[in-house]
Amino acid sequence: MELSGGGIYGYDISTEILGLEGTLKIGYLRETTQLQNFAQNVLRERTPPITIEDGMEALRIDVAATRAHETGRSVVVSAIRA
């Protein structure tokens, strides 16, 4: 499972099915200016809109969802520590 927050650079909505003989990808990839935004933030010394904390929170949600799926029990996201 993969999860991410929104950002001004765009988004990707897709599903991948991985198999022994190949991968099937279904979804929508919107062309974005992600690299351009990153470069502008560096050149102008601006803080990016998406932070490492955003990434860590998405990871905690993913870990909690995986544990819940594996155990069949509820998992509290705030209890997950990096």
Protein backbone atom coordinates (compact mmCIF):
# COMPACT_ATOMS: atom_id res chain seq x y z
CA MET A 1 0.00 0.00 0.00
CA GLU A 2 1.21 3.47 -0.82
CA LEU A 3 -0.23 6.74 0.38
CA SER A 4 0.83 10.33 0.01
CA GLY A 5 -0.43 13.79 0.78
CA GLY A 6 -1.40 16.42 -1.74
CA GLY A 7 1.01 18.97 -3.06
CA ILE A 8 1.05 21.83 -5.50
CA TYR A 9 3.17 19.75 -7.88
CA GLY A 10 0.29 17.44 -8.79
CA TYR A 11 -0.78 13.90 -8.11
CA ASP A 12 -0.80 10.32 -9.35
CA ILE A 13 -3.80 8.05 -8.87
CA SER A 14 -3.03 4.46 -9.83
CA THR A 15 -3.16 0.79 -8.92
CA GLU A 16 -0.47 -1.77 -9.69
CA ILE A 17 -0.94 -5.52 -9.77
CA LEU A 18 2.37 -7.36 -9.61
CA GLY A 19 2.56 -10.91 -10.90
CA LEU A 20 5.13 -13.54 -11.73
CA GLU A 21 4.92 -12.76 -15.44
CA GLY A 22 4.59 -9.01 -15.34
CA THR A 23 2.94 -5.93 -13.92
CA LEU A 24 -0.40 -4.39 -14.73
CA LYS A 25 -0.75 -0.67 -13.99
CA ILE A 26 -4.12 1.04 -14.06
CA GLY A 27 -4.58 4.69 -13.32
CA TYR A 28 -4.17 8.29 -14.10
CA LEU A 29 -0.87 10.14 -14.12
CA ARG A 30 -1.33 13.85 -14.40
CA GLU A 31 1.61 15.61 -15.97
CA THR A 32 2.95 18.07 -13.42
CA THR A 33 5.68 20.58 -12.88
CA GLN A 34 7.15 18.78 -9.86
CA LEU A 35 10.80 19.16 -10.91
CA GLN A 36 10.28 22.80 -11.90
CA ASN A 37 8.69 23.53 -8.51
CA PHE A 38 11.58 21.83 -6.72
CA ALA A 39 14.16 23.85 -8.65
CA GLN A 40 12.32 27.12 -7.98
CA ASN A 41 12.19 26.35 -4.27
CA VAL A 42 15.94 25.70 -4.20
CA LEU A 43 16.81 28.81 -6.23
CA ARG A 44 14.56 31.05 -4.16
CA GLU A 45 15.49 29.37 -0.86
CA ARG A 46 11.82 28.59 -0.15
CA THR A 47 10.63 25.80 2.10
CA PRO A 48 8.99 23.06 0.00
CA PRO A 49 5.24 22.61 0.51
CA ILE A 50 5.73 18.92 1.31
CA THR A 51 8.02 18.22 4.26
CA ILE A 52 9.76 15.16 5.66
CA GLU A 53 7.12 15.18 8.40
CA ASP A 54 4.44 14.75 5.72
CA GLY A 55 6.37 11.77 4.36
CA MET A 56 6.79 10.25 7.82
CA GLU A 57 3.05 10.60 8.54
CA ALA A 58 2.21 8.88 5.25
CA LEU A 59 4.62 6.09 6.22
CA ARG A 60 2.96 5.72 9.65
CA ILE A 61 -0.45 5.41 7.97
CA ASP A 62 0.93 2.78 5.59
CA VAL A 63 2.53 0.77 8.41
CA ALA A 64 -0.69 0.93 10.46
CA ALA A 65 -2.78 -0.20 7.47
CA THR A 66 -0.38 -3.07 6.74
CA ARG A 67 -0.40 -4.23 10.37
CA ALA A 68 -4.20 -4.01 10.50
CA HIS A 69 -4.48 -6.07 7.32
CA GLU A 70 -2.00 -8.69 8.57
CA THR A 71 -3.55 -9.06 12.03
CA GLY A 72 -7.21 -8.33 11.30
CA ARG A 73 -7.20 -5.86 14.19
CA SER A 74 -7.44 -2.09 14.44
CA VAL A 75 -4.16 -0.21 14.67
CA VAL A 76 -3.88 3.32 16.02
CA VAL A 77 -1.76 5.41 13.64
CA SER A 78 -0.42 7.64 16.43
CA ALA A 79 1.01 4.52 18.13
CA ILE A 80 3.32 3.89 15.16
CA ARG A 81 6.79 5.32 15.77
CA ALA A 82 9.44 5.81 13.12
